[in-house]
Amino acid sequence: MLESGAEDIREAMLKLLGDAGPKHFPQITRRIRYASDVQSLWYLRGDLMASLAAMHGESAARKQVASVTAMFRGLLPNGLDSRPSRLEG
């Protein structure tokens, strides 16, 4: 389950970067592509957010990253999942 979950998350993250990812953000694209596990992908969300914000603006990027963040549910050790933010909602 963890392996297929990691691959699904990896694909979703790369899809969000789209064709512009390898061209404009080669380092983050490479880091996502070769992340070793779910936890590594979890920590790459900030870099993904920054890349998406540069392409689409912060509001759109926040929504896109939220969709990926939901995919981590049940795959992370306790304490690594996101906490509710007063900024959301």
PDB file of N, CA and C in Angstrom:
ATOM      1  N   MET A   1       0.826  -1.207   0.000  1.00  0.00           N
ATOM      2  CA  MET A   1       0.000   0.000   0.000  1.00  0.00           C
ATOM      3  C   MET A   1       0.864   1.264   0.000  1.00  0.00           C
ATOM      4  N   LEU A   2       1.909   1.249   0.835  1.00  0.00           N
ATOM      5  CA  LEU A   2       2.759   2.428   0.901  1.00  0.00           C
ATOM      6  C   LEU A   2       3.448   2.722  -0.420  1.00  0.00           C
ATOM      7  N   GLU A   3       3.927   1.674  -1.090  1.00  0.00           N
ATOM      8  CA  GLU A   3       4.608   1.882  -2.369  1.00  0.00           C
ATOM      9  C   GLU A   3       3.676   2.438  -3.424  1.00  0.00           C
ATOM     10  N   SER A   4       2.493   1.850  -3.545  1.00  0.00           N
ATOM     11  CA  SER A   4       1.555   2.353  -4.554  1.00  0.00           C
ATOM     12  C   SER A   4       1.073   3.747  -4.178  1.00  0.00           C
ATOM     13  N   GLY A   5       0.927   4.012  -2.876  1.00  0.00           N
ATOM     14  CA  GLY A   5       0.544   5.348  -2.436  1.00  0.00           C
ATOM     15  C   GLY A   5       1.594   6.366  -2.797  1.00  0.00           C
ATOM     16  N   ALA A   6       2.860   6.015  -2.592  1.00  0.00           N
ATOM     17  CA  ALA A   6       3.956   6.928  -2.922  1.00  0.00           C
ATOM     18  C   ALA A   6       3.987   7.199  -4.420  1.00  0.00           C
ATOM     19  N   GLU A   7       3.780   6.166  -5.221  1.00  0.00           N
ATOM     20  CA  GLU A   7       3.793   6.355  -6.675  1.00  0.00           C
ATOM     21  C   GLU A   7       2.625   7.220  -7.136  1.00  0.00           C
ATOM     22  N   ASP A   8       1.460   7.029  -6.540  1.00  0.00           N
ATOM     23  CA  ASP A   8       0.298   7.858  -6.886  1.00  0.00           C
ATOM     24  C   ASP A   8       0.557   9.320  -6.536  1.00  0.00           C
ATOM     25  N   ILE A   9       1.145   9.541  -5.365  1.00  0.00           N
ATOM     26  CA  ILE A   9       1.464  10.909  -4.935  1.00  0.00           C
ATOM     27  C   ILE A   9       2.518  11.519  -5.849  1.00  0.00           C
ATOM     28  N   ARG A  10       3.551  10.743  -6.147  1.00  0.00           N
ATOM     29  CA  ARG A  10       4.622  11.230  -7.033  1.00  0.00           C
ATOM     30  C   ARG A  10       4.038  11.661  -8.384  1.00  0.00           C
ATOM     31  N   GLU A  11       3.191  10.811  -8.950  1.00  0.00           N
ATOM     32  CA  GLU A  11       2.574  11.133 -10.244  1.00  0.00           C
ATOM     33  C   GLU A  11       1.718  12.386 -10.156  1.00  0.00           C
ATOM     34  N   ALA A  12       0.969  12.527  -9.069  1.00  0.00           N
ATOM     35  CA  ALA A  12       0.114  13.712  -8.900  1.00  0.00           C
ATOM     36  C   ALA A  12       0.962  14.981  -8.792  1.00  0.00           C
ATOM     37  N   MET A  13       2.065  14.906  -8.053  1.00  0.00           N
ATOM     38  CA  MET A  13       2.940  16.070  -7.901  1.00  0.00           C
ATOM     39  C   MET A  13       3.565  16.460  -9.238  1.00  0.00           C
ATOM     40  N   LEU A  14       4.049  15.467  -9.969  1.00  0.00           N
ATOM     41  CA  LEU A  14       4.658  15.752 -11.272  1.00  0.00           C
ATOM     42  C   LEU A  14       3.624  16.281 -12.260  1.00  0.00           C
ATOM     43  N   LYS A  15       2.413  15.765 -12.173  1.00  0.00           N
ATOM     44  CA  LYS A  15       1.352  16.239 -13.059  1.00  0.00           C
ATOM     45  C   LYS A  15       1.036  17.712 -12.792  1.00  0.00           C
ATOM     46  N   LEU A  16       1.057  18.108 -11.517  1.00  0.00           N
ATOM     47  CA  LEU A  16       0.812  19.517 -11.193  1.00  0.00           C
ATOM     48  C   LEU A  16       1.883  20.418 -11.800  1.00  0.00           C
ATOM     49  N   LEU A  17       3.111  19.951 -11.826  1.00  0.00           N
ATOM     50  CA  LEU A  17       4.187  20.747 -12.439  1.00  0.00           C
ATOM     51  C   LEU A  17       4.044  20.790 -13.956  1.00  0.00           C
ATOM     52  N   GLY A  18       3.455  19.746 -14.513  1.00  0.00           N
ATOM     53  CA  GLY A  18       3.193  19.711 -15.947  1.00  0.00           C
ATOM     54  C   GLY A  18       4.457  19.744 -16.786  1.00  0.00           C
ATOM     55  N   ASP A  19       4.292  20.165 -18.017  1.00  0.00           N
ATOM     56  CA  ASP A  19       5.406  20.229 -18.963  1.00  0.00           C
ATOM     57  C   ASP A  19       6.429  21.289 -18.571  1.00  0.00           C
ATOM     58  N   ALA A  20       5.990  22.289 -17.803  1.00  0.00           N
ATOM     59  CA  ALA A  20       6.895  23.363 -17.392  1.00  0.00           C
ATOM     60  C   ALA A  20       7.860  22.902 -16.306  1.00  0.00           C
ATOM     61  N   GLY A  21       7.507  21.846 -15.585  1.00  0.00           N
ATOM     62  CA  GLY A  21       8.337  21.383 -14.475  1.00  0.00           C
ATOM     63  C   GLY A  21       9.778  21.120 -14.848  1.00  0.00           C
ATOM     64  N   PRO A  22      10.028  20.180 -15.765  1.00  0.00           N
ATOM     65  CA  PRO A  22      11.416  19.878 -16.111  1.00  0.00           C
ATOM     66  C   PRO A  22      12.174  21.071 -16.701  1.00  0.00           C
ATOM     67  N   LYS A  23      11.467  21.919 -17.395  1.00  0.00           N
ATOM     68  CA  LYS A  23      12.114  23.062 -18.047  1.00  0.00           C
ATOM     69  C   LYS A  23      12.428  24.188 -17.058  1.00  0.00           C
ATOM     70  N   HIS A  24      11.442  24.567 -16.247  1.00  0.00           N
ATOM     71  CA  HIS A  24      11.597  25.719 -15.357  1.00  0.00           C
ATOM     72  C   HIS A  24      11.999  25.350 -13.939  1.00  0.00           C
ATOM     73  N   PHE A  25      11.697  24.133 -13.521  1.00  0.00           N
ATOM     74  CA  PHE A  25      11.993  23.700 -12.159  1.00  0.00           C
ATOM     75  C   PHE A  25      12.641  22.316 -12.175  1.00  0.00           C
ATOM     76  N   PRO A  26      13.799  22.201 -12.827  1.00  0.00           N
ATOM     77  CA  PRO A  26      14.410  20.874 -12.976  1.00  0.00           C
ATOM     78  C   PRO A  26      14.798  20.231 -11.644  1.00  0.00           C
ATOM     79  N   GLN A  27      15.235  21.024 -10.675  1.00  0.00           N
ATOM     80  CA  GLN A  27      15.664  20.439  -9.402  1.00  0.00           C
ATOM     81  C   GLN A  27      14.491  19.829  -8.645  1.00  0.00           C
ATOM     82  N   ILE A  28      13.387  20.557  -8.525  1.00  0.00           N
ATOM     83  CA  ILE A  28      12.238  20.018  -7.793  1.00  0.00           C
ATOM     84  C   ILE A  28      11.641  18.832  -8.549  1.00  0.00           C
ATOM     85  N   THR A  29      11.619  18.922  -9.864  1.00  0.00           N
ATOM     86  CA  THR A  29      11.112  17.803 -10.663  1.00  0.00           C
ATOM     87  C   THR A  29      11.951  16.558 -10.413  1.00  0.00           C
ATOM     88  N   ARG A  30      13.240  16.717 -10.409  1.00  0.00           N
ATOM     89  CA  ARG A  30      14.143  15.591 -10.168  1.00  0.00           C
ATOM     90  C   ARG A  30      13.989  15.056  -8.750  1.00  0.00           C
ATOM     91  N   ARG A  31      13.865  15.946  -7.769  1.00  0.00           N
ATOM     92  CA  ARG A  31      13.726  15.514  -6.376  1.00  0.00           C
ATOM     93  C   ARG A  31      12.423  14.743  -6.164  1.00  0.00           C
ATOM     94  N   ILE A  32      11.354  15.185  -6.803  1.00  0.00           N
ATOM     95  CA  ILE A  32      10.083  14.454  -6.702  1.00  0.00           C
ATOM     96  C   ILE A  32      10.216  13.100  -7.390  1.00  0.00           C
ATOM     97  N   ARG A  33      10.758  13.102  -8.572  1.00  0.00           N
ATOM     98  CA  ARG A  33      10.882  11.866  -9.352  1.00  0.00           C
ATOM     99  C   ARG A  33      11.688  10.799  -8.606  1.00  0.00           C
ATOM    100  N   TYR A  34      12.736  11.199  -7.907  1.00  0.00           N
ATOM    101  CA  TYR A  34      13.621  10.237  -7.267  1.00  0.00           C
ATOM    102  C   TYR A  34      13.487  10.171  -5.743  1.00  0.00           C
ATOM    103  N   ALA A  35      12.435  10.773  -5.194  1.00  0.00           N
ATOM    104  CA  ALA A  35      12.197  10.677  -3.745  1.00  0.00           C
ATOM    105  C   ALA A  35      12.045   9.206  -3.370  1.00  0.00           C
ATOM    106  N   SER A  36      12.659   8.819  -2.269  1.00  0.00           N
ATOM    107  CA  SER A  36      12.730   7.404  -1.920  1.00  0.00           C
ATOM    108  C   SER A  36      11.476   6.853  -1.247  1.00  0.00           C
ATOM    109  N   ASP A  37      10.669   7.723  -0.639  1.00  0.00           N
ATOM    110  CA  ASP A  37       9.502   7.218   0.083  1.00  0.00           C
ATOM    111  C   ASP A  37       8.453   8.310   0.285  1.00  0.00           C
ATOM    112  N   VAL A  38       7.375   7.939   0.944  1.00  0.00           N
ATOM    113  CA  VAL A  38       6.259   8.861   1.181  1.00  0.00           C
ATOM    114  C   VAL A  38       6.708  10.051   2.017  1.00  0.00           C
ATOM    115  N   GLN A  39       7.551   9.797   3.024  1.00  0.00           N
ATOM    116  CA  GLN A  39       8.016  10.891   3.874  1.00  0.00           C
ATOM    117  C   GLN A  39       8.826  11.903   3.077  1.00  0.00           C
ATOM    118  N   SER A  40       9.648  11.449   2.183  1.00  0.00           N
ATOM    119  CA  SER A  40      10.432  12.364   1.338  1.00  0.00           C
ATOM    120  C   SER A  40       9.507  13.231   0.495  1.00  0.00           C
ATOM    121  N   LEU A  41       8.482  12.608  -0.057  1.00  0.00           N
ATOM    122  CA  LEU A  41       7.514  13.367  -0.858  1.00  0.00           C
ATOM    123  C   LEU A  41       6.767  14.374   0.017  1.00  0.00           C
ATOM    124  N   TRP A  42       6.463  14.001   1.250  1.00  0.00           N
ATOM    125  CA  TRP A  42       5.774  14.900   2.180  1.00  0.00           C
ATOM    126  C   TRP A  42       6.579  16.185   2.355  1.00  0.00           C
ATOM    127  N   TYR A  43       7.876  16.034   2.542  1.00  0.00           N
ATOM    128  CA  TYR A  43       8.724  17.206   2.774  1.00  0.00           C
ATOM    129  C   TYR A  43       8.957  18.030   1.512  1.00  0.00           C
ATOM    130  N   LEU A  44       8.657  17.498   0.352  1.00  0.00           N
ATOM    131  CA  LEU A  44       8.807  18.241  -0.900  1.00  0.00           C
ATOM    132  C   LEU A  44       7.585  19.111  -1.223  1.00  0.00           C
ATOM    133  N   ARG A  45       6.548  19.027  -0.418  1.00  0.00           N
ATOM    134  CA  ARG A  45       5.349  19.831  -0.693  1.00  0.00           C
ATOM    135  C   ARG A  45       5.629  21.329  -0.681  1.00  0.00           C
ATOM    136  N   GLY A  46       6.518  21.772   0.195  1.00  0.00           N
ATOM    137  CA  GLY A  46       6.868  23.201   0.247  1.00  0.00           C
ATOM    138  C   GLY A  46       7.526  23.678  -1.032  1.00  0.00           C
ATOM    139  N   ASP A  47       8.437  22.864  -1.546  1.00  0.00           N
ATOM    140  CA  ASP A  47       9.093  23.205  -2.815  1.00  0.00           C
ATOM    141  C   ASP A  47       8.092  23.179  -3.969  1.00  0.00           C
ATOM    142  N   LEU A  48       7.201  22.198  -3.929  1.00  0.00           N
ATOM    143  CA  LEU A  48       6.148  22.117  -4.946  1.00  0.00           C
ATOM    144  C   LEU A  48       5.271  23.362  -4.889  1.00  0.00           C
ATOM    145  N   MET A  49       4.903  23.763  -3.674  1.00  0.00           N
ATOM    146  CA  MET A  49       4.069  24.955  -3.484  1.00  0.00           C
ATOM    147  C   MET A  49       4.755  26.192  -4.068  1.00  0.00           C
ATOM    148  N   ALA A  50       6.034  26.346  -3.800  1.00  0.00           N
ATOM    149  CA  ALA A  50       6.769  27.510  -4.308  1.00  0.00           C
ATOM    150  C   ALA A  50       6.808  27.508  -5.834  1.00  0.00           C
ATOM    151  N   SER A  51       7.024  26.350  -6.415  1.00  0.00           N
ATOM    152  CA  SER A  51       7.069  26.252  -7.874  1.00  0.00           C
ATOM    153  C   SER A  51       5.711  26.573  -8.492  1.00  0.00           C
ATOM    154  N   LEU A  52       4.670  25.991  -7.912  1.00  0.00           N
ATOM    155  CA  LEU A  52       3.324  26.237  -8.439  1.00  0.00           C
ATOM    156  C   LEU A  52       2.909  27.687  -8.248  1.00  0.00           C
ATOM    157  N   ALA A  53       3.302  28.289  -7.127  1.00  0.00           N
ATOM    158  CA  ALA A  53       2.971  29.700  -6.887  1.00  0.00           C
ATOM    159  C   ALA A  53       3.654  30.593  -7.920  1.00  0.00           C
ATOM    160  N   ALA A  54       4.867  30.237  -8.296  1.00  0.00           N
ATOM    161  CA  ALA A  54       5.576  31.011  -9.319  1.00  0.00           C
ATOM    162  C   ALA A  54       4.869  30.912 -10.666  1.00  0.00           C
ATOM    163  N   MET A  55       4.254  29.765 -10.933  1.00  0.00           N
ATOM    164  CA  MET A  55       3.579  29.570 -12.221  1.00  0.00           C
ATOM    165  C   MET A  55       2.146  30.096 -12.232  1.00  0.00           C
ATOM    166  N   HIS A  56       1.412  29.882 -11.122  1.00  0.00           N
ATOM    167  CA  HIS A  56      -0.034  30.126 -11.139  1.00  0.00           C
ATOM    168  C   HIS A  56      -0.539  31.091 -10.079  1.00  0.00           C
ATOM    169  N   GLY A  57       0.338  31.554  -9.199  1.00  0.00           N
ATOM    170  CA  GLY A  57      -0.084  32.400  -8.098  1.00  0.00           C
ATOM    171  C   GLY A  57      -0.324  31.564  -6.845  1.00  0.00           C
ATOM    172  N   GLU A  58      -0.233  32.214  -5.694  1.00  0.00           N
ATOM    173  CA  GLU A  58      -0.279  31.498  -4.419  1.00  0.00           C
ATOM    174  C   GLU A  58      -1.624  30.839  -4.141  1.00  0.00           C
ATOM    175  N   SER A  59      -2.696  31.507  -4.456  1.00  0.00           N
ATOM    176  CA  SER A  59      -4.020  30.948  -4.175  1.00  0.00           C
ATOM    177  C   SER A  59      -4.263  29.642  -4.927  1.00  0.00           C
ATOM    178  N   ALA A  60      -3.957  29.645  -6.215  1.00  0.00           N
ATOM    179  CA  ALA A  60      -4.125  28.433  -7.024  1.00  0.00           C
ATOM    180  C   ALA A  60      -3.178  27.338  -6.548  1.00  0.00           C
ATOM    181  N   ALA A  61      -1.954  27.719  -6.215  1.00  0.00           N
ATOM    182  CA  ALA A  61      -0.964  26.745  -5.754  1.00  0.00           C
ATOM    183  C   ALA A  61      -1.422  26.097  -4.455  1.00  0.00           C
ATOM    184  N   ARG A  62      -1.980  26.888  -3.547  1.00  0.00           N
ATOM    185  CA  ARG A  62      -2.449  26.363  -2.268  1.00  0.00           C
ATOM    186  C   ARG A  62      -3.521  25.292  -2.480  1.00  0.00           C
ATOM    187  N   LYS A  63      -4.444  25.551  -3.399  1.00  0.00           N
ATOM    188  CA  LYS A  63      -5.504  24.569  -3.688  1.00  0.00           C
ATOM    189  C   LYS A  63      -4.928  23.302  -4.300  1.00  0.00           C
ATOM    190  N   GLN A  64      -3.964  23.460  -5.202  1.00  0.00           N
ATOM    191  CA  GLN A  64      -3.361  22.297  -5.850  1.00  0.00           C
ATOM    192  C   GLN A  64      -2.589  21.445  -4.848  1.00  0.00           C
ATOM    193  N   VAL A  65      -1.831  22.081  -3.984  1.00  0.00           N
ATOM    194  CA  VAL A  65      -1.054  21.339  -2.994  1.00  0.00           C
ATOM    195  C   VAL A  65      -1.986  20.678  -1.980  1.00  0.00           C
ATOM    196  N   ALA A  66      -3.099  21.318  -1.661  1.00  0.00           N
ATOM    197  CA  ALA A  66      -4.065  20.715  -0.736  1.00  0.00           C
ATOM    198  C   ALA A  66      -4.599  19.399  -1.293  1.00  0.00           C
ATOM    199  N   SER A  67      -4.804  19.335  -2.602  1.00  0.00           N
ATOM    200  CA  SER A  67      -5.300  18.090  -3.200  1.00  0.00           C
ATOM    201  C   SER A  67      -4.271  16.974  -3.073  1.00  0.00           C
ATOM    202  N   VAL A  68      -2.989  17.307  -3.186  1.00  0.00           N
ATOM    203  CA  VAL A  68      -1.931  16.312  -3.023  1.00  0.00           C
ATOM    204  C   VAL A  68      -1.794  15.947  -1.536  1.00  0.00           C
ATOM    205  N   THR A  69      -1.877  16.931  -0.662  1.00  0.00           N
ATOM    206  CA  THR A  69      -1.738  16.687   0.772  1.00  0.00           C
ATOM    207  C   THR A  69      -2.767  15.667   1.246  1.00  0.00           C
ATOM    208  N   ALA A  70      -3.981  15.738   0.707  1.00  0.00           N
ATOM    209  CA  ALA A  70      -5.024  14.789   1.095  1.00  0.00           C
ATOM    210  C   ALA A  70      -4.640  13.353   0.755  1.00  0.00           C
ATOM    211  N   MET A  71      -3.812  13.172  -0.238  1.00  0.00           N
ATOM    212  CA  MET A  71      -3.402  11.829  -0.655  1.00  0.00           C
ATOM    213  C   MET A  71      -2.495  11.147   0.369  1.00  0.00           C
ATOM    214  N   PHE A  72      -1.903  11.918   1.263  1.00  0.00           N
ATOM    215  CA  PHE A  72      -0.995  11.369   2.271  1.00  0.00           C
ATOM    216  C   PHE A  72      -1.742  10.748   3.451  1.00  0.00           C
ATOM    217  N   ARG A  73      -3.030  11.015   3.548  1.00  0.00           N
ATOM    218  CA  ARG A  73      -3.807  10.548   4.688  1.00  0.00           C
ATOM    219  C   ARG A  73      -3.655   9.038   4.861  1.00  0.00           C
ATOM    220  N   GLY A  74      -3.241   8.637   6.062  1.00  0.00           N
ATOM    221  CA  GLY A  74      -3.077   7.229   6.382  1.00  0.00           C
ATOM    222  C   GLY A  74      -1.752   6.622   5.959  1.00  0.00           C
ATOM    223  N   LEU A  75      -0.888   7.407   5.315  1.00  0.00           N
ATOM    224  CA  LEU A  75       0.386   6.875   4.829  1.00  0.00           C
ATOM    225  C   LEU A  75       1.589   7.337   5.646  1.00  0.00           C
ATOM    226  N   LEU A  76       1.375   8.314   6.526  1.00  0.00           N
ATOM    227  CA  LEU A  76       2.488   8.893   7.277  1.00  0.00           C
ATOM    228  C   LEU A  76       2.474   8.435   8.727  1.00  0.00           C
ATOM    229  N   PRO A  77       3.650   8.397   9.350  1.00  0.00           N
ATOM    230  CA  PRO A  77       3.694   8.109  10.779  1.00  0.00           C
ATOM    231  C   PRO A  77       2.958   9.203  11.559  1.00  0.00           C
ATOM    232  N   ASN A  78       2.461   8.851  12.726  1.00  0.00           N
ATOM    233  CA  ASN A  78       1.785   9.845  13.571  1.00  0.00           C
ATOM    234  C   ASN A  78       2.701  11.037  13.803  1.00  0.00           C
ATOM    235  N   GLY A  79       2.136  12.205  13.771  1.00  0.00           N
ATOM    236  CA  GLY A  79       2.901  13.416  14.013  1.00  0.00           C
ATOM    237  C   GLY A  79       3.404  14.101  12.761  1.00  0.00           C
ATOM    238  N   LEU A  80       3.373  13.420  11.619  1.00  0.00           N
ATOM    239  CA  LEU A  80       3.840  14.045  10.383  1.00  0.00           C
ATOM    240  C   LEU A  80       2.700  14.595   9.547  1.00  0.00           C
ATOM    241  N   ASP A  81       1.476  14.212   9.829  1.00  0.00           N
ATOM    242  CA  ASP A  81       0.375  14.730   9.002  1.00  0.00           C
ATOM    243  C   ASP A  81       0.122  16.194   9.342  1.00  0.00           C
ATOM    244  N   SER A  82      -0.574  16.881   8.435  1.00  0.00           N
ATOM    245  CA  SER A  82      -0.776  18.303   8.634  1.00  0.00           C
ATOM    246  C   SER A  82      -1.804  18.578   9.705  1.00  0.00           C
ATOM    247  N   ARG A  83      -1.572  19.693  10.360  1.00  0.00           N
ATOM    248  CA  ARG A  83      -2.517  20.152  11.364  1.00  0.00           C
ATOM    249  C   ARG A  83      -3.403  21.211  10.728  1.00  0.00           C
ATOM    250  N   PRO A  84      -4.631  21.313  11.212  1.00  0.00           N
ATOM    251  CA  PRO A  84      -5.504  22.367  10.673  1.00  0.00           C
ATOM    252  C   PRO A  84      -4.877  23.746  10.882  1.00  0.00           C
ATOM    253  N   SER A  85      -5.054  24.600   9.928  1.00  0.00           N
ATOM    254  CA  SER A  85      -4.496  25.946   9.998  1.00  0.00           C
ATOM    255  C   SER A  85      -5.616  26.957  10.153  1.00  0.00           C
ATOM    256  N   ARG A  86      -5.337  27.989  10.957  1.00  0.00           N
ATOM    257  CA  ARG A  86      -6.315  29.062  11.096  1.00  0.00           C
ATOM    258  C   ARG A  86      -6.391  29.892   9.828  1.00  0.00           C
ATOM    259  N   LEU A  87      -5.403  29.755   8.948  1.00  0.00           N
ATOM    260  CA  LEU A  87      -5.394  30.518   7.707  1.00  0.00           C
ATOM    261  C   LEU A  87      -6.326  29.930   6.663  1.00  0.00           C
ATOM    262  N   GLU A  88      -6.662  28.657   6.809  1.00  0.00           N
ATOM    263  CA  GLU A  88      -7.539  28.013   5.839  1.00  0.00           C
ATOM    264  C   GLU A  88      -8.975  28.189   6.285  1.00  0.00           C
ATOM    265  N   GLY A  89      -9.851  28.274   5.310  1.00  0.00           N
ATOM    266  CA  GLY A  89     -11.266  28.321   5.640  1.00  0.00           C
ATOM    267  C   GLY A  89     -11.725  29.687   5.760  1.00  0.00           C
TER     268      GLY A  89
END
